[in-house]
Amino acid sequence: ENEFRALLYEGPNQVIDLRGREWDTPD
């Protein structure tokens, strides 16, 4: 593929949960 890519980030910033709980991912 020899790829070059553009990447968009929608946000908001997430956090790392040290209790290892799964996220409730918004739409």
mmCIF file of all heavy atoms, coordinates in Angstrom:
data_MODEL
# 
_entry.id   MODEL 
# 
loop_
_atom_site.group_PDB 
_atom_site.id 
_atom_site.type_symbol 
_atom_site.label_atom_id 
_atom_site.label_alt_id 
_atom_site.label_comp_id 
_atom_site.label_asym_id 
_atom_site.label_entity_id 
_atom_site.label_seq_id 
_atom_site.pdbx_PDB_ins_code 
_atom_site.Cartn_x 
_atom_site.Cartn_y 
_atom_site.Cartn_z 
_atom_site.occupancy 
_atom_site.B_iso_or_equiv 
_atom_site.pdbx_formal_charge 
_atom_site.auth_seq_id 
_atom_site.auth_comp_id 
_atom_site.auth_asym_id 
_atom_site.auth_atom_id 
_atom_site.pdbx_PDB_model_num 
ATOM 1   N N   . GLU A 1 1  ? 0.807   -1.219 0.000  1.00 0.00 ? 1  GLU A N   1 
ATOM 2   C CA  . GLU A 1 1  ? 0.000   0.000  0.000  1.00 0.00 ? 1  GLU A CA  1 
ATOM 3   C C   . GLU A 1 1  ? 0.841   1.271  0.000  1.00 0.00 ? 1  GLU A C   1 
ATOM 4   O O   . GLU A 1 1  ? 0.363   2.331  -0.422 1.00 0.00 ? 1  GLU A O   1 
ATOM 5   C CB  . GLU A 1 1  ? -0.933  -0.003 1.220  1.00 0.00 ? 1  GLU A CB  1 
ATOM 6   C CG  . GLU A 1 1  ? -1.975  -1.110 1.158  1.00 0.00 ? 1  GLU A CG  1 
ATOM 7   C CD  . GLU A 1 1  ? -2.863  -1.134 2.391  1.00 0.00 ? 1  GLU A CD  1 
ATOM 8   O OE1 . GLU A 1 1  ? -2.635  -0.313 3.315  1.00 0.00 ? 1  GLU A OE1 1 
ATOM 9   O OE2 . GLU A 1 1  ? -3.779  -1.966 2.438  1.00 0.00 ? 1  GLU A OE2 1 
ATOM 10  N N   . ASN A 1 2  ? 2.085   1.213  0.513  1.00 0.00 ? 2  ASN A N   1 
ATOM 11  C CA  . ASN A 1 2  ? 2.941   2.416  0.552  1.00 0.00 ? 2  ASN A CA  1 
ATOM 12  C C   . ASN A 1 2  ? 2.130   3.650  0.959  1.00 0.00 ? 2  ASN A C   1 
ATOM 13  O O   . ASN A 1 2  ? 2.094   4.656  0.269  1.00 0.00 ? 2  ASN A O   1 
ATOM 14  C CB  . ASN A 1 2  ? 3.581   2.664  -0.816 1.00 0.00 ? 2  ASN A CB  1 
ATOM 15  C CG  . ASN A 1 2  ? 4.807   1.814  -1.035 1.00 0.00 ? 2  ASN A CG  1 
ATOM 16  O OD1 . ASN A 1 2  ? 5.408   1.325  -0.091 1.00 0.00 ? 2  ASN A OD1 1 
ATOM 17  N ND2 . ASN A 1 2  ? 5.170   1.630  -2.295 1.00 0.00 ? 2  ASN A ND2 1 
ATOM 18  N N   . GLU A 1 3  ? 1.506   3.569  2.106  1.00 0.00 ? 3  GLU A N   1 
ATOM 19  C CA  . GLU A 1 3  ? 0.416   4.484  2.417  1.00 0.00 ? 3  GLU A CA  1 
ATOM 20  C C   . GLU A 1 3  ? 0.852   5.795  3.066  1.00 0.00 ? 3  GLU A C   1 
ATOM 21  O O   . GLU A 1 3  ? 1.756   5.842  3.904  1.00 0.00 ? 3  GLU A O   1 
ATOM 22  C CB  . GLU A 1 3  ? -0.579  3.770  3.333  1.00 0.00 ? 3  GLU A CB  1 
ATOM 23  C CG  . GLU A 1 3  ? -1.871  4.514  3.551  1.00 0.00 ? 3  GLU A CG  1 
ATOM 24  C CD  . GLU A 1 3  ? -2.851  3.722  4.388  1.00 0.00 ? 3  GLU A CD  1 
ATOM 25  O OE1 . GLU A 1 3  ? -2.739  2.471  4.426  1.00 0.00 ? 3  GLU A OE1 1 
ATOM 26  O OE2 . GLU A 1 3  ? -3.721  4.343  5.012  1.00 0.00 ? 3  GLU A OE2 1 
ATOM 27  N N   . PHE A 1 4  ? 0.158   6.840  2.661  1.00 0.00 ? 4  PHE A N   1 
ATOM 28  C CA  . PHE A 1 4  ? 0.159   8.126  3.359  1.00 0.00 ? 4  PHE A CA  1 
ATOM 29  C C   . PHE A 1 4  ? -1.285  8.354  3.773  1.00 0.00 ? 4  PHE A C   1 
ATOM 30  O O   . PHE A 1 4  ? -2.206  8.139  2.989  1.00 0.00 ? 4  PHE A O   1 
ATOM 31  C CB  . PHE A 1 4  ? 0.623   9.252  2.435  1.00 0.00 ? 4  PHE A CB  1 
ATOM 32  C CG  . PHE A 1 4  ? 0.617   10.611 3.096  1.00 0.00 ? 4  PHE A CG  1 
ATOM 33  C CD1 . PHE A 1 4  ? 1.759   11.076 3.725  1.00 0.00 ? 4  PHE A CD1 1 
ATOM 34  C CD2 . PHE A 1 4  ? -0.516  11.406 3.097  1.00 0.00 ? 4  PHE A CD2 1 
ATOM 35  C CE1 . PHE A 1 4  ? 1.766   12.316 4.355  1.00 0.00 ? 4  PHE A CE1 1 
ATOM 36  C CE2 . PHE A 1 4  ? -0.527  12.640 3.721  1.00 0.00 ? 4  PHE A CE2 1 
ATOM 37  C CZ  . PHE A 1 4  ? 0.623   13.103 4.353  1.00 0.00 ? 4  PHE A CZ  1 
ATOM 38  N N   . ARG A 1 5  ? -1.491  8.779  5.015  1.00 0.00 ? 5  ARG A N   1 
ATOM 39  C CA  . ARG A 1 5  ? -2.864  8.943  5.445  1.00 0.00 ? 5  ARG A CA  1 
ATOM 40  C C   . ARG A 1 5  ? -3.092  10.236 6.215  1.00 0.00 ? 5  ARG A C   1 
ATOM 41  O O   . ARG A 1 5  ? -2.192  10.774 6.841  1.00 0.00 ? 5  ARG A O   1 
ATOM 42  C CB  . ARG A 1 5  ? -3.350  7.750  6.270  1.00 0.00 ? 5  ARG A CB  1 
ATOM 43  C CG  . ARG A 1 5  ? -2.559  7.447  7.500  1.00 0.00 ? 5  ARG A CG  1 
ATOM 44  C CD  . ARG A 1 5  ? -3.138  6.287  8.340  1.00 0.00 ? 5  ARG A CD  1 
ATOM 45  N NE  . ARG A 1 5  ? -3.682  5.161  7.599  1.00 0.00 ? 5  ARG A NE  1 
ATOM 46  C CZ  . ARG A 1 5  ? -4.043  4.011  8.139  1.00 0.00 ? 5  ARG A CZ  1 
ATOM 47  N NH1 . ARG A 1 5  ? -3.899  3.827  9.446  1.00 0.00 ? 5  ARG A NH1 1 
ATOM 48  N NH2 . ARG A 1 5  ? -4.542  3.035  7.406  1.00 0.00 ? 5  ARG A NH2 1 
ATOM 49  N N   . ALA A 1 6  ? -4.340  10.708 6.098  1.00 0.00 ? 6  ALA A N   1 
ATOM 50  C CA  . ALA A 1 6  ? -4.816  11.821 6.901  1.00 0.00 ? 6  ALA A CA  1 
ATOM 51  C C   . ALA A 1 6  ? -5.797  11.251 7.921  1.00 0.00 ? 6  ALA A C   1 
ATOM 52  O O   . ALA A 1 6  ? -6.601  10.369 7.602  1.00 0.00 ? 6  ALA A O   1 
ATOM 53  C CB  . ALA A 1 6  ? -5.497  12.867 6.024  1.00 0.00 ? 6  ALA A CB  1 
ATOM 54  N N   . LEU A 1 7  ? -5.721  11.767 9.135  1.00 0.00 ? 7  LEU A N   1 
ATOM 55  C CA  . LEU A 1 7  ? -6.485  11.215 10.252 1.00 0.00 ? 7  LEU A CA  1 
ATOM 56  C C   . LEU A 1 7  ? -7.218  12.342 10.970 1.00 0.00 ? 7  LEU A C   1 
ATOM 57  O O   . LEU A 1 7  ? -6.617  13.349 11.351 1.00 0.00 ? 7  LEU A O   1 
ATOM 58  C CB  . LEU A 1 7  ? -5.518  10.514 11.210 1.00 0.00 ? 7  LEU A CB  1 
ATOM 59  C CG  . LEU A 1 7  ? -6.074  9.848  12.462 1.00 0.00 ? 7  LEU A CG  1 
ATOM 60  C CD1 . LEU A 1 7  ? -6.877  8.612  12.085 1.00 0.00 ? 7  LEU A CD1 1 
ATOM 61  C CD2 . LEU A 1 7  ? -4.928  9.461  13.398 1.00 0.00 ? 7  LEU A CD2 1 
ATOM 62  N N   . LEU A 1 8  ? -8.526  12.183 11.152 1.00 0.00 ? 8  LEU A N   1 
ATOM 63  C CA  . LEU A 1 8  ? -9.325  13.141 11.909 1.00 0.00 ? 8  LEU A CA  1 
ATOM 64  C C   . LEU A 1 8  ? -9.624  12.587 13.295 1.00 0.00 ? 8  LEU A C   1 
ATOM 65  O O   . LEU A 1 8  ? -9.845  11.383 13.458 1.00 0.00 ? 8  LEU A O   1 
ATOM 66  C CB  . LEU A 1 8  ? -10.665 13.403 11.214 1.00 0.00 ? 8  LEU A CB  1 
ATOM 67  C CG  . LEU A 1 8  ? -10.691 14.214 9.918  1.00 0.00 ? 8  LEU A CG  1 
ATOM 68  C CD1 . LEU A 1 8  ? -12.142 14.395 9.480  1.00 0.00 ? 8  LEU A CD1 1 
ATOM 69  C CD2 . LEU A 1 8  ? -10.017 15.560 10.090 1.00 0.00 ? 8  LEU A CD2 1 
ATOM 70  N N   . TYR A 1 9  ? -9.635  13.491 14.278 1.00 0.00 ? 9  TYR A N   1 
ATOM 71  C CA  . TYR A 1 9  ? -9.981  13.115 15.648 1.00 0.00 ? 9  TYR A CA  1 
ATOM 72  C C   . TYR A 1 9  ? -11.213 13.897 16.074 1.00 0.00 ? 9  TYR A C   1 
ATOM 73  O O   . TYR A 1 9  ? -11.221 15.121 16.070 1.00 0.00 ? 9  TYR A O   1 
ATOM 74  C CB  . TYR A 1 9  ? -8.816  13.424 16.586 1.00 0.00 ? 9  TYR A CB  1 
ATOM 75  C CG  . TYR A 1 9  ? -9.119  13.206 18.048 1.00 0.00 ? 9  TYR A CG  1 
ATOM 76  C CD1 . TYR A 1 9  ? -9.493  11.949 18.517 1.00 0.00 ? 9  TYR A CD1 1 
ATOM 77  C CD2 . TYR A 1 9  ? -9.019  14.250 18.962 1.00 0.00 ? 9  TYR A CD2 1 
ATOM 78  C CE1 . TYR A 1 9  ? -9.772  11.741 19.857 1.00 0.00 ? 9  TYR A CE1 1 
ATOM 79  C CE2 . TYR A 1 9  ? -9.289  14.051 20.305 1.00 0.00 ? 9  TYR A CE2 1 
ATOM 80  C CZ  . TYR A 1 9  ? -9.665  12.793 20.751 1.00 0.00 ? 9  TYR A CZ  1 
ATOM 81  O OH  . TYR A 1 9  ? -9.931  12.594 22.076 1.00 0.00 ? 9  TYR A OH  1 
ATOM 82  N N   . GLU A 1 10 ? -12.275 13.165 16.449 1.00 0.00 ? 10 GLU A N   1 
ATOM 83  C CA  . GLU A 1 10 ? -13.527 13.822 16.803 1.00 0.00 ? 10 GLU A CA  1 
ATOM 84  C C   . GLU A 1 10 ? -13.559 14.271 18.260 1.00 0.00 ? 10 GLU A C   1 
ATOM 85  O O   . GLU A 1 10 ? -14.217 15.252 18.603 1.00 0.00 ? 10 GLU A O   1 
ATOM 86  C CB  . GLU A 1 10 ? -14.703 12.881 16.513 1.00 0.00 ? 10 GLU A CB  1 
ATOM 87  C CG  . GLU A 1 10 ? -16.057 13.528 16.757 1.00 0.00 ? 10 GLU A CG  1 
ATOM 88  C CD  . GLU A 1 10 ? -17.202 12.651 16.301 1.00 0.00 ? 10 GLU A CD  1 
ATOM 89  O OE1 . GLU A 1 10 ? -17.067 11.964 15.277 1.00 0.00 ? 10 GLU A OE1 1 
ATOM 90  O OE2 . GLU A 1 10 ? -18.242 12.657 16.984 1.00 0.00 ? 10 GLU A OE2 1 
ATOM 91  N N   . GLY A 1 11 ? -12.868 13.550 19.166 1.00 0.00 ? 11 GLY A N   1 
ATOM 92  C CA  . GLY A 1 11 ? -12.895 13.915 20.575 1.00 0.00 ? 11 GLY A CA  1 
ATOM 93  C C   . GLY A 1 11 ? -14.213 13.513 21.215 1.00 0.00 ? 11 GLY A C   1 
ATOM 94  O O   . GLY A 1 11 ? -15.093 12.958 20.565 1.00 0.00 ? 11 GLY A O   1 
ATOM 95  N N   . PRO A 1 12 ? -14.421 13.783 22.528 1.00 0.00 ? 12 PRO A N   1 
ATOM 96  C CA  . PRO A 1 12 ? -13.486 14.440 23.452 1.00 0.00 ? 12 PRO A CA  1 
ATOM 97  C C   . PRO A 1 12 ? -12.417 13.483 23.950 1.00 0.00 ? 12 PRO A C   1 
ATOM 98  O O   . PRO A 1 12 ? -12.480 12.284 23.692 1.00 0.00 ? 12 PRO A O   1 
ATOM 99  C CB  . PRO A 1 12 ? -14.398 14.863 24.608 1.00 0.00 ? 12 PRO A CB  1 
ATOM 100 C CG  . PRO A 1 12 ? -15.451 13.785 24.633 1.00 0.00 ? 12 PRO A CG  1 
ATOM 101 C CD  . PRO A 1 12 ? -15.686 13.423 23.191 1.00 0.00 ? 12 PRO A CD  1 
ATOM 102 N N   . ASN A 1 13 ? -11.419 14.034 24.673 1.00 0.00 ? 13 ASN A N   1 
ATOM 103 C CA  . ASN A 1 13 ? -10.345 13.201 25.205 1.00 0.00 ? 13 ASN A CA  1 
ATOM 104 C C   . ASN A 1 13 ? -10.903 12.177 26.187 1.00 0.00 ? 13 ASN A C   1 
ATOM 105 O O   . ASN A 1 13 ? -11.769 12.478 27.008 1.00 0.00 ? 13 ASN A O   1 
ATOM 106 C CB  . ASN A 1 13 ? -9.295  14.063 25.912 1.00 0.00 ? 13 ASN A CB  1 
ATOM 107 C CG  . ASN A 1 13 ? -8.547  14.936 24.937 1.00 0.00 ? 13 ASN A CG  1 
ATOM 108 O OD1 . ASN A 1 13 ? -8.354  14.560 23.791 1.00 0.00 ? 13 ASN A OD1 1 
ATOM 109 N ND2 . ASN A 1 13 ? -8.116  16.099 25.380 1.00 0.00 ? 13 ASN A ND2 1 
ATOM 110 N N   . GLN A 1 14 ? -10.387 10.963 26.097 1.00 0.00 ? 14 GLN A N   1 
ATOM 111 C CA  . GLN A 1 14 ? -10.788 9.890  26.988 1.00 0.00 ? 14 GLN A CA  1 
ATOM 112 C C   . GLN A 1 14 ? -9.747  9.713  28.096 1.00 0.00 ? 14 GLN A C   1 
ATOM 113 O O   . GLN A 1 14 ? -8.686  10.319 28.065 1.00 0.00 ? 14 GLN A O   1 
ATOM 114 C CB  . GLN A 1 14 ? -10.963 8.598  26.199 1.00 0.00 ? 14 GLN A CB  1 
ATOM 115 C CG  . GLN A 1 14 ? -11.926 8.703  25.041 1.00 0.00 ? 14 GLN A CG  1 
ATOM 116 C CD  . GLN A 1 14 ? -13.362 8.908  25.482 1.00 0.00 ? 14 GLN A CD  1 
ATOM 117 O OE1 . GLN A 1 14 ? -13.689 8.738  26.657 1.00 0.00 ? 14 GLN A OE1 1 
ATOM 118 N NE2 . GLN A 1 14 ? -14.237 9.274  24.556 1.00 0.00 ? 14 GLN A NE2 1 
ATOM 119 N N   . VAL A 1 15 ? -10.070 8.869  29.058 1.00 0.00 ? 15 VAL A N   1 
ATOM 120 C CA  . VAL A 1 15 ? -9.161  8.622  30.175 1.00 0.00 ? 15 VAL A CA  1 
ATOM 121 C C   . VAL A 1 15 ? -8.849  7.132  30.246 1.00 0.00 ? 15 VAL A C   1 
ATOM 122 O O   . VAL A 1 15 ? -9.589  6.291  29.726 1.00 0.00 ? 15 VAL A O   1 
ATOM 123 C CB  . VAL A 1 15 ? -9.770  9.086  31.511 1.00 0.00 ? 15 VAL A CB  1 
ATOM 124 C CG1 . VAL A 1 15 ? -9.988  10.578 31.512 1.00 0.00 ? 15 VAL A CG1 1 
ATOM 125 C CG2 . VAL A 1 15 ? -11.076 8.347  31.800 1.00 0.00 ? 15 VAL A CG2 1 
ATOM 126 N N   . ILE A 1 16 ? -7.732  6.828  30.894 1.00 0.00 ? 16 ILE A N   1 
ATOM 127 C CA  . ILE A 1 16 ? -7.344  5.432  31.115 1.00 0.00 ? 16 ILE A CA  1 
ATOM 128 C C   . ILE A 1 16 ? -7.825  5.029  32.504 1.00 0.00 ? 16 ILE A C   1 
ATOM 129 O O   . ILE A 1 16 ? -7.429  5.632  33.513 1.00 0.00 ? 16 ILE A O   1 
ATOM 130 C CB  . ILE A 1 16 ? -5.820  5.264  30.993 1.00 0.00 ? 16 ILE A CB  1 
ATOM 131 C CG1 . ILE A 1 16 ? -5.368  5.639  29.580 1.00 0.00 ? 16 ILE A CG1 1 
ATOM 132 C CG2 . ILE A 1 16 ? -5.405  3.832  31.332 1.00 0.00 ? 16 ILE A CG2 1 
ATOM 133 C CD1 . ILE A 1 16 ? -3.867  5.706  29.429 1.00 0.00 ? 16 ILE A CD1 1 
ATOM 134 N N   . ASP A 1 17 ? -8.704  4.058  32.566 1.00 0.00 ? 17 ASP A N   1 
ATOM 135 C CA  . ASP A 1 17 ? -9.282  3.606  33.832 1.00 0.00 ? 17 ASP A CA  1 
ATOM 136 C C   . ASP A 1 17 ? -8.403  2.499  34.403 1.00 0.00 ? 17 ASP A C   1 
ATOM 137 O O   . ASP A 1 17 ? -8.328  1.397  33.852 1.00 0.00 ? 17 ASP A O   1 
ATOM 138 C CB  . ASP A 1 17 ? -10.704 3.090  33.593 1.00 0.00 ? 17 ASP A CB  1 
ATOM 139 C CG  . ASP A 1 17 ? -11.447 2.792  34.890 1.00 0.00 ? 17 ASP A CG  1 
ATOM 140 O OD1 . ASP A 1 17 ? -10.769 2.544  35.906 1.00 0.00 ? 17 ASP A OD1 1 
ATOM 141 O OD2 . ASP A 1 17 ? -12.686 2.822  34.872 1.00 0.00 ? 17 ASP A OD2 1 
ATOM 142 N N   . LEU A 1 18 ? -7.725  2.794  35.506 1.00 0.00 ? 18 LEU A N   1 
ATOM 143 C CA  . LEU A 1 18 ? -6.811  1.821  36.101 1.00 0.00 ? 18 LEU A CA  1 
ATOM 144 C C   . LEU A 1 18 ? -7.532  0.659  36.788 1.00 0.00 ? 18 LEU A C   1 
ATOM 145 O O   . LEU A 1 18 ? -6.898  -0.292 37.234 1.00 0.00 ? 18 LEU A O   1 
ATOM 146 C CB  . LEU A 1 18 ? -5.889  2.517  37.098 1.00 0.00 ? 18 LEU A CB  1 
ATOM 147 C CG  . LEU A 1 18 ? -4.905  3.521  36.487 1.00 0.00 ? 18 LEU A CG  1 
ATOM 148 C CD1 . LEU A 1 18 ? -4.034  4.146  37.565 1.00 0.00 ? 18 LEU A CD1 1 
ATOM 149 C CD2 . LEU A 1 18 ? -4.031  2.846  35.432 1.00 0.00 ? 18 LEU A CD2 1 
ATOM 150 N N   . ARG A 1 19 ? -8.848  0.753  36.858 1.00 0.00 ? 19 ARG A N   1 
ATOM 151 C CA  . ARG A 1 19 ? -9.601  -0.408 37.369 1.00 0.00 ? 19 ARG A CA  1 
ATOM 152 C C   . ARG A 1 19 ? -9.919  -1.404 36.252 1.00 0.00 ? 19 ARG A C   1 
ATOM 153 O O   . ARG A 1 19 ? -10.491 -2.453 36.499 1.00 0.00 ? 19 ARG A O   1 
ATOM 154 C CB  . ARG A 1 19 ? -10.905 0.063  38.029 1.00 0.00 ? 19 ARG A CB  1 
ATOM 155 C CG  . ARG A 1 19 ? -10.686 0.798  39.350 1.00 0.00 ? 19 ARG A CG  1 
ATOM 156 C CD  . ARG A 1 19 ? -12.013 1.230  39.966 1.00 0.00 ? 19 ARG A CD  1 
ATOM 157 N NE  . ARG A 1 19 ? -11.829 1.741  41.320 1.00 0.00 ? 19 ARG A NE  1 
ATOM 158 C CZ  . ARG A 1 19 ? -11.446 2.980  41.602 1.00 0.00 ? 19 ARG A CZ  1 
ATOM 159 N NH1 . ARG A 1 19 ? -11.213 3.839  40.620 1.00 0.00 ? 19 ARG A NH1 1 
ATOM 160 N NH2 . ARG A 1 19 ? -11.292 3.365  42.858 1.00 0.00 ? 19 ARG A NH2 1 
ATOM 161 N N   . GLY A 1 20 ? -9.583  -1.049 35.026 1.00 0.00 ? 20 GLY A N   1 
ATOM 162 C CA  . GLY A 1 20 ? -9.780  -1.960 33.907 1.00 0.00 ? 20 GLY A CA  1 
ATOM 163 C C   . GLY A 1 20 ? -11.211 -2.091 33.472 1.00 0.00 ? 20 GLY A C   1 
ATOM 164 O O   . GLY A 1 20 ? -11.575 -3.072 32.802 1.00 0.00 ? 20 GLY A O   1 
ATOM 165 N N   . ARG A 1 21 ? -12.071 -1.105 33.824 1.00 0.00 ? 21 ARG A N   1 
ATOM 166 C CA  . ARG A 1 21 ? -13.475 -1.193 33.439 1.00 0.00 ? 21 ARG A CA  1 
ATOM 167 C C   . ARG A 1 21 ? -13.661 -0.830 31.968 1.00 0.00 ? 21 ARG A C   1 
ATOM 168 O O   . ARG A 1 21 ? -12.929 -0.003 31.432 1.00 0.00 ? 21 ARG A O   1 
ATOM 169 C CB  . ARG A 1 21 ? -14.308 -0.244 34.314 1.00 0.00 ? 21 ARG A CB  1 
ATOM 170 C CG  . ARG A 1 21 ? -14.328 -0.635 35.784 1.00 0.00 ? 21 ARG A CG  1 
ATOM 171 C CD  . ARG A 1 21 ? -15.042 0.408  36.622 1.00 0.00 ? 21 ARG A CD  1 
ATOM 172 N NE  . ARG A 1 21 ? -14.348 1.688  36.602 1.00 0.00 ? 21 ARG A NE  1 
ATOM 173 C CZ  . ARG A 1 21 ? -14.619 2.705  37.426 1.00 0.00 ? 21 ARG A CZ  1 
ATOM 174 N NH1 . ARG A 1 21 ? -15.587 2.563  38.335 1.00 0.00 ? 21 ARG A NH1 1 
ATOM 175 N NH2 . ARG A 1 21 ? -13.958 3.832  37.344 1.00 0.00 ? 21 ARG A NH2 1 
ATOM 176 N N   . GLU A 1 22 ? -14.620 -1.470 31.330 1.00 0.00 ? 22 GLU A N   1 
ATOM 177 C CA  . GLU A 1 22 ? -14.919 -1.156 29.938 1.00 0.00 ? 22 GLU A CA  1 
ATOM 178 C C   . GLU A 1 22 ? -15.631 0.184  29.842 1.00 0.00 ? 22 GLU A C   1 
ATOM 179 O O   . GLU A 1 22 ? -16.311 0.616  30.776 1.00 0.00 ? 22 GLU A O   1 
ATOM 180 C CB  . GLU A 1 22 ? -15.786 -2.254 29.311 1.00 0.00 ? 22 GLU A CB  1 
ATOM 181 C CG  . GLU A 1 22 ? -15.068 -3.582 29.167 1.00 0.00 ? 22 GLU A CG  1 
ATOM 182 C CD  . GLU A 1 22 ? -15.876 -4.578 28.373 1.00 0.00 ? 22 GLU A CD  1 
ATOM 183 O OE1 . GLU A 1 22 ? -16.937 -4.187 27.826 1.00 0.00 ? 22 GLU A OE1 1 
ATOM 184 O OE2 . GLU A 1 22 ? -15.460 -5.746 28.288 1.00 0.00 ? 22 GLU A OE2 1 
ATOM 185 N N   . TRP A 1 23 ? -15.465 0.827  28.702 1.00 0.00 ? 23 TRP A N   1 
ATOM 186 C CA  . TRP A 1 23 ? -16.048 2.154  28.496 1.00 0.00 ? 23 TRP A CA  1 
ATOM 187 C C   . TRP A 1 23 ? -17.502 2.063  28.083 1.00 0.00 ? 23 TRP A C   1 
ATOM 188 O O   . TRP A 1 23 ? -17.928 1.119  27.417 1.00 0.00 ? 23 TRP A O   1 
ATOM 189 C CB  . TRP A 1 23 ? -15.306 2.870  27.376 1.00 0.00 ? 23 TRP A CB  1 
ATOM 190 C CG  . TRP A 1 23 ? -13.908 3.253  27.714 1.00 0.00 ? 23 TRP A CG  1 
ATOM 191 C CD1 . TRP A 1 23 ? -13.101 2.741  28.677 1.00 0.00 ? 23 TRP A CD1 1 
ATOM 192 C CD2 . TRP A 1 23 ? -13.152 4.249  27.048 1.00 0.00 ? 23 TRP A CD2 1 
ATOM 193 N NE1 . TRP A 1 23 ? -11.897 3.340  28.652 1.00 0.00 ? 23 TRP A NE1 1 
ATOM 194 C CE2 . TRP A 1 23 ? -11.881 4.272  27.665 1.00 0.00 ? 23 TRP A CE2 1 
ATOM 195 C CE3 . TRP A 1 23 ? -13.403 5.124  26.003 1.00 0.00 ? 23 TRP A CE3 1 
ATOM 196 C CZ2 . TRP A 1 23 ? -10.878 5.141  27.260 1.00 0.00 ? 23 TRP A CZ2 1 
ATOM 197 C CZ3 . TRP A 1 23 ? -12.410 5.987  25.596 1.00 0.00 ? 23 TRP A CZ3 1 
ATOM 198 C CH2 . TRP A 1 23 ? -11.170 5.994  26.222 1.00 0.00 ? 23 TRP A CH2 1 
ATOM 199 N N   . ASP A 1 24 ? -18.245 3.094  28.451 1.00 0.00 ? 24 ASP A N   1 
ATOM 200 C CA  . ASP A 1 24 ? -19.539 3.348  27.836 1.00 0.00 ? 24 ASP A CA  1 
ATOM 201 C C   . ASP A 1 24 ? -19.280 4.305  26.674 1.00 0.00 ? 24 ASP A C   1 
ATOM 202 O O   . ASP A 1 24 ? -19.107 5.511  26.865 1.00 0.00 ? 24 ASP A O   1 
ATOM 203 C CB  . ASP A 1 24 ? -20.508 3.973  28.840 1.00 0.00 ? 24 ASP A CB  1 
ATOM 204 C CG  . ASP A 1 24 ? -20.895 3.000  29.942 1.00 0.00 ? 24 ASP A CG  1 
ATOM 205 O OD1 . ASP A 1 24 ? -20.995 1.805  29.638 1.00 0.00 ? 24 ASP A OD1 1 
ATOM 206 O OD2 . ASP A 1 24 ? -21.076 3.447  31.091 1.00 0.00 ? 24 ASP A OD2 1 
ATOM 207 N N   . THR A 1 25 ? -19.210 3.747  25.480 1.00 0.00 ? 25 THR A N   1 
ATOM 208 C CA  . THR A 1 25 ? -18.825 4.550  24.318 1.00 0.00 ? 25 THR A CA  1 
ATOM 209 C C   . THR A 1 25 ? -20.011 5.367  23.812 1.00 0.00 ? 25 THR A C   1 
ATOM 210 O O   . THR A 1 25 ? -21.073 4.807  23.513 1.00 0.00 ? 25 THR A O   1 
ATOM 211 C CB  . THR A 1 25 ? -18.322 3.641  23.181 1.00 0.00 ? 25 THR A CB  1 
ATOM 212 O OG1 . THR A 1 25 ? -17.260 2.829  23.676 1.00 0.00 ? 25 THR A OG1 1 
ATOM 213 C CG2 . THR A 1 25 ? -17.809 4.483  22.024 1.00 0.00 ? 25 THR A CG2 1 
ATOM 214 N N   . PRO A 1 26 ? -19.862 6.689  23.724 1.00 0.00 ? 26 PRO A N   1 
ATOM 215 C CA  . PRO A 1 26 ? -20.959 7.502  23.181 1.00 0.00 ? 26 PRO A CA  1 
ATOM 216 C C   . PRO A 1 26 ? -21.134 7.260  21.683 1.00 0.00 ? 26 PRO A C   1 
ATOM 217 O O   . PRO A 1 26 ? -20.308 6.603  21.045 1.00 0.00 ? 26 PRO A O   1 
ATOM 218 C CB  . PRO A 1 26 ? -20.488 8.939  23.457 1.00 0.00 ? 26 PRO A CB  1 
ATOM 219 C CG  . PRO A 1 26 ? -19.000 8.839  23.548 1.00 0.00 ? 26 PRO A CG  1 
ATOM 220 C CD  . PRO A 1 26 ? -18.695 7.490  24.101 1.00 0.00 ? 26 PRO A CD  1 
ATOM 221 N N   . ASP A 1 27 ? -22.201 7.801  21.140 1.00 0.00 ? 27 ASP A N   1 
ATOM 222 C CA  . ASP A 1 27 ? -22.438 7.670  19.706 1.00 0.00 ? 27 ASP A CA  1 
ATOM 223 C C   . ASP A 1 27 ? -21.641 8.732  18.956 1.00 0.00 ? 27 ASP A C   1 
ATOM 224 O O   . ASP A 1 27 ? -21.906 9.933  19.085 1.00 0.00 ? 27 ASP A O   1 
ATOM 225 C CB  . ASP A 1 27 ? -23.928 7.842  19.395 1.00 0.00 ? 27 ASP A CB  1 
ATOM 226 C CG  . ASP A 1 27 ? -24.754 6.684  19.932 1.00 0.00 ? 27 ASP A CG  1 
ATOM 227 O OD1 . ASP A 1 27 ? -24.204 5.571  19.997 1.00 0.00 ? 27 ASP A OD1 1 
ATOM 228 O OD2 . ASP A 1 27 ? -25.926 6.912  20.293 1.00 0.00 ? 27 ASP A OD2 1 
# 
